[in-house]
């Protein structure tokens, strides 16, 4: 029983950490974006899939840096850019 509970706790922890990111990522998918994704996918297929690796690395670095600056200064990224 403890193995099942441990497994459920791990899943709950992962969902607690990753869940807000999934929600935020899905908010930006509007009709224009989905149409653009469809056209780009039809035109290029999987040839641009490799770009997801550097884009994801850059996204993680920028998000981490922005959250640290916000935690230290108490300001948002747009306030810090100005």
N, C-alpha and C. Protein backbone atom coordinates (compact mmCIF):
# COMPACT_ATOMS: atom_id res chain seq x y z
N UNK A 1 0.82 -1.20 0.00
CA UNK A 1 0.00 0.00 0.00
C UNK A 1 0.86 1.26 0.00
N UNK A 2 2.00 1.21 0.69
CA UNK A 2 2.85 2.40 0.74
C UNK A 2 3.47 2.69 -0.62
N UNK A 3 3.71 1.65 -1.43
CA UNK A 3 4.24 1.87 -2.77
C UNK A 3 3.24 2.61 -3.64
N UNK A 4 1.97 2.25 -3.52
CA UNK A 4 0.92 2.93 -4.28
C UNK A 4 0.78 4.37 -3.82
N UNK A 5 0.86 4.59 -2.51
CA UNK A 5 0.76 5.95 -1.98
C UNK A 5 1.96 6.79 -2.43
N UNK A 6 3.15 6.19 -2.41
CA UNK A 6 4.35 6.89 -2.85
C UNK A 6 4.24 7.28 -4.32
N UNK A 7 3.70 6.38 -5.14
CA UNK A 7 3.52 6.66 -6.56
C UNK A 7 2.54 7.80 -6.77
N UNK A 8 1.45 7.79 -6.01
CA UNK A 8 0.45 8.86 -6.13
C UNK A 8 1.00 10.20 -5.66
N UNK A 9 1.81 10.18 -4.63
CA UNK A 9 2.42 11.42 -4.14
C UNK A 9 3.36 11.99 -5.20
N UNK A 10 4.12 11.13 -5.84
CA UNK A 10 5.04 11.61 -6.88
C UNK A 10 4.29 12.20 -8.07
N UNK A 11 3.22 11.53 -8.49
CA UNK A 11 2.41 12.05 -9.60
C UNK A 11 1.79 13.39 -9.22
N UNK A 12 1.28 13.49 -8.00
CA UNK A 12 0.67 14.74 -7.55
C UNK A 12 1.70 15.86 -7.50
N UNK A 13 2.92 15.55 -7.08
CA UNK A 13 3.97 16.56 -7.02
C UNK A 13 4.36 17.03 -8.42
N UNK A 14 4.48 16.10 -9.35
CA UNK A 14 4.82 16.47 -10.74
C UNK A 14 3.72 17.33 -11.34
N UNK A 15 2.47 16.95 -11.12
CA UNK A 15 1.36 17.74 -11.66
C UNK A 15 1.28 19.12 -11.01
N UNK A 16 1.62 19.21 -9.74
CA UNK A 16 1.61 20.51 -9.07
C UNK A 16 2.68 21.44 -9.64
N UNK A 17 3.80 20.88 -10.03
CA UNK A 17 4.88 21.70 -10.57
C UNK A 17 4.65 22.02 -12.04
N UNK A 18 4.23 21.04 -12.82
CA UNK A 18 4.11 21.19 -14.27
C UNK A 18 2.75 21.73 -14.69
N UNK A 19 1.73 21.53 -13.89
CA UNK A 19 0.37 21.91 -14.24
C UNK A 19 0.19 23.36 -14.66
N UNK A 20 0.68 24.33 -13.86
CA UNK A 20 0.52 25.73 -14.27
C UNK A 20 1.20 26.05 -15.59
N UNK A 21 2.30 25.39 -15.89
CA UNK A 21 2.97 25.61 -17.18
C UNK A 21 2.13 25.13 -18.35
N UNK A 22 1.47 23.97 -18.18
CA UNK A 22 0.58 23.47 -19.23
C UNK A 22 -0.59 24.42 -19.46
N UNK A 23 -1.14 24.95 -18.38
CA UNK A 23 -2.27 25.87 -18.51
C UNK A 23 -1.82 27.14 -19.22
N UNK A 24 -0.69 27.68 -18.83
CA UNK A 24 -0.18 28.90 -19.45
C UNK A 24 0.14 28.67 -20.92
N UNK A 25 0.71 27.53 -21.25
CA UNK A 25 1.04 27.25 -22.64
C UNK A 25 -0.20 27.09 -23.50
N UNK A 26 -1.25 26.53 -22.94
CA UNK A 26 -2.46 26.31 -23.73
C UNK A 26 -3.29 27.57 -23.90
N UNK A 27 -3.07 28.58 -23.09
CA UNK A 27 -3.83 29.82 -23.20
C UNK A 27 -3.50 30.56 -24.50
N UNK A 28 -2.28 30.42 -24.98
CA UNK A 28 -1.84 31.16 -26.16
C UNK A 28 -2.29 30.51 -27.47
N UNK A 29 -2.90 29.36 -27.42
CA UNK A 29 -3.35 28.68 -28.65
C UNK A 29 -4.72 29.19 -29.06
N UNK A 30 -4.74 30.25 -29.85
CA UNK A 30 -6.00 30.79 -30.36
C UNK A 30 -6.19 30.31 -31.80
N UNK A 31 -7.25 30.75 -32.43
CA UNK A 31 -7.57 30.28 -33.78
C UNK A 31 -6.48 30.63 -34.79
N UNK A 32 -5.95 31.84 -34.70
CA UNK A 32 -4.89 32.24 -35.62
C UNK A 32 -3.62 31.42 -35.44
N UNK A 33 -3.29 31.13 -34.19
CA UNK A 33 -2.12 30.31 -33.92
C UNK A 33 -2.27 28.90 -34.44
N UNK A 34 -3.44 28.31 -34.22
CA UNK A 34 -3.67 26.94 -34.68
C UNK A 34 -3.63 26.88 -36.21
N UNK A 35 -4.17 27.90 -36.88
CA UNK A 35 -4.11 27.94 -38.34
C UNK A 35 -2.66 28.06 -38.81
N UNK A 36 -1.87 28.89 -38.13
CA UNK A 36 -0.47 29.04 -38.49
C UNK A 36 0.30 27.75 -38.28
N UNK A 37 0.05 27.08 -37.14
CA UNK A 37 0.72 25.81 -36.87
C UNK A 37 0.37 24.78 -37.93
N UNK A 38 -0.88 24.76 -38.35
CA UNK A 38 -1.32 23.79 -39.36
C UNK A 38 -0.66 24.04 -40.71
N UNK A 39 -0.60 25.30 -41.12
CA UNK A 39 0.03 25.64 -42.41
C UNK A 39 1.52 25.34 -42.37
N UNK A 40 2.18 25.71 -41.27
CA UNK A 40 3.62 25.43 -41.17
C UNK A 40 3.88 23.94 -41.14
N UNK A 41 3.04 23.18 -40.44
CA UNK A 41 3.21 21.73 -40.41
C UNK A 41 2.99 21.09 -41.77
N UNK A 42 2.00 21.60 -42.51
CA UNK A 42 1.74 21.05 -43.83
C UNK A 42 2.86 21.39 -44.81
N UNK A 43 3.45 22.56 -44.64
CA UNK A 43 4.48 22.99 -45.58
C UNK A 43 5.84 22.36 -45.27
N UNK A 44 6.22 22.31 -43.99
CA UNK A 44 7.56 21.87 -43.63
C UNK A 44 7.62 20.47 -43.03
N UNK A 45 6.52 19.94 -42.55
CA UNK A 45 6.52 18.61 -41.95
C UNK A 45 7.36 18.58 -40.69
N UNK A 46 8.20 17.56 -40.57
CA UNK A 46 9.04 17.40 -39.38
C UNK A 46 10.41 18.05 -39.52
N UNK A 47 10.66 18.75 -40.61
CA UNK A 47 12.01 19.29 -40.83
C UNK A 47 12.38 20.38 -39.84
N UNK A 48 11.41 21.07 -39.26
CA UNK A 48 11.71 22.12 -38.29
C UNK A 48 11.60 21.65 -36.85
N UNK A 49 11.40 20.36 -36.65
CA UNK A 49 11.22 19.83 -35.29
C UNK A 49 12.48 20.01 -34.45
N UNK A 50 13.65 19.99 -35.04
CA UNK A 50 14.89 20.15 -34.30
C UNK A 50 14.97 21.51 -33.61
N UNK A 51 14.26 22.51 -34.12
CA UNK A 51 14.31 23.84 -33.50
C UNK A 51 13.67 23.87 -32.12
N UNK A 52 12.88 22.85 -31.79
CA UNK A 52 12.24 22.81 -30.48
C UNK A 52 13.26 22.66 -29.35
N UNK A 53 14.38 22.01 -29.62
CA UNK A 53 15.39 21.81 -28.58
C UNK A 53 16.03 23.14 -28.16
N UNK A 54 16.60 23.94 -29.07
CA UNK A 54 17.17 25.21 -28.61
C UNK A 54 16.12 26.20 -28.12
N UNK A 55 14.92 26.16 -28.70
CA UNK A 55 13.86 27.06 -28.24
C UNK A 55 13.46 26.73 -26.81
N UNK A 56 13.34 25.43 -26.51
CA UNK A 56 12.96 25.02 -25.16
C UNK A 56 14.05 25.38 -24.15
N UNK A 57 15.31 25.19 -24.51
CA UNK A 57 16.41 25.56 -23.62
C UNK A 57 16.39 27.06 -23.35
N UNK A 58 16.22 27.86 -24.40
CA UNK A 58 16.16 29.31 -24.22
C UNK A 58 14.97 29.72 -23.37
N UNK A 59 13.83 29.07 -23.56
CA UNK A 59 12.64 29.39 -22.78
C UNK A 59 12.86 29.09 -21.30
N UNK A 60 13.47 27.96 -21.00
CA UNK A 60 13.72 27.59 -19.60
C UNK A 60 14.68 28.59 -18.96
N UNK A 61 15.72 28.98 -19.67
CA UNK A 61 16.69 29.93 -19.12
C UNK A 61 16.04 31.28 -18.86
N UNK A 62 15.26 31.77 -19.80
CA UNK A 62 14.61 33.07 -19.64
C UNK A 62 13.58 33.04 -18.52
N UNK A 63 12.79 31.97 -18.42
CA UNK A 63 11.80 31.87 -17.36
C UNK A 63 12.46 31.81 -15.99
N UNK A 64 13.53 31.04 -15.87
CA UNK A 64 14.23 30.92 -14.59
C UNK A 64 14.84 32.26 -14.19
N UNK A 65 15.48 32.94 -15.14
CA UNK A 65 16.10 34.22 -14.85
C UNK A 65 15.05 35.26 -14.48
N UNK A 66 13.93 35.27 -15.18
CA UNK A 66 12.87 36.23 -14.89
C UNK A 66 12.25 35.98 -13.52
N UNK A 67 12.06 34.71 -13.18
CA UNK A 67 11.47 34.42 -11.87
C UNK A 67 12.42 34.78 -10.74
N UNK A 68 13.70 34.57 -10.92
CA UNK A 68 14.67 34.96 -9.88
C UNK A 68 14.73 36.48 -9.72
N UNK A 69 14.74 37.20 -10.84
CA UNK A 69 14.76 38.67 -10.74
C UNK A 69 13.49 39.19 -10.09
N UNK A 70 12.36 38.58 -10.42
CA UNK A 70 11.10 38.99 -9.82
C UNK A 70 11.05 38.69 -8.34
N UNK A 71 11.61 37.56 -7.93
CA UNK A 71 11.61 37.20 -6.51
C UNK A 71 12.51 38.13 -5.71
N UNK A 72 13.62 38.56 -6.29
CA UNK A 72 14.55 39.43 -5.58
C UNK A 72 14.05 40.86 -5.53
N UNK A 73 13.55 41.38 -6.65
CA UNK A 73 13.17 42.79 -6.71
C UNK A 73 11.71 43.04 -6.39
N UNK A 74 10.87 42.02 -6.52
CA UNK A 74 9.44 42.21 -6.30
C UNK A 74 8.74 42.89 -7.47
N UNK A 75 9.41 42.97 -8.61
CA UNK A 75 8.83 43.59 -9.80
C UNK A 75 8.69 42.56 -10.90
N UNK A 76 7.82 42.84 -11.85
CA UNK A 76 7.66 41.97 -13.00
C UNK A 76 8.72 42.23 -14.05
N UNK A 77 8.76 41.37 -15.05
CA UNK A 77 9.77 41.50 -16.09
C UNK A 77 9.62 42.79 -16.88
N UNK A 78 8.39 43.20 -17.16
CA UNK A 78 8.19 44.43 -17.92
C UNK A 78 8.67 45.65 -17.13
N UNK A 79 8.50 45.64 -15.81
CA UNK A 79 9.02 46.75 -15.00
C UNK A 79 10.55 46.76 -14.99
N UNK A 80 11.15 45.60 -14.98
CA UNK A 80 12.61 45.53 -14.96
C UNK A 80 13.23 45.91 -16.30
N UNK A 81 12.51 45.70 -17.39
CA UNK A 81 13.03 46.06 -18.70
C UNK A 81 13.06 47.57 -18.88
N UNK A 82 12.08 48.26 -18.32
CA UNK A 82 12.03 49.72 -18.48
C UNK A 82 13.13 50.42 -17.79
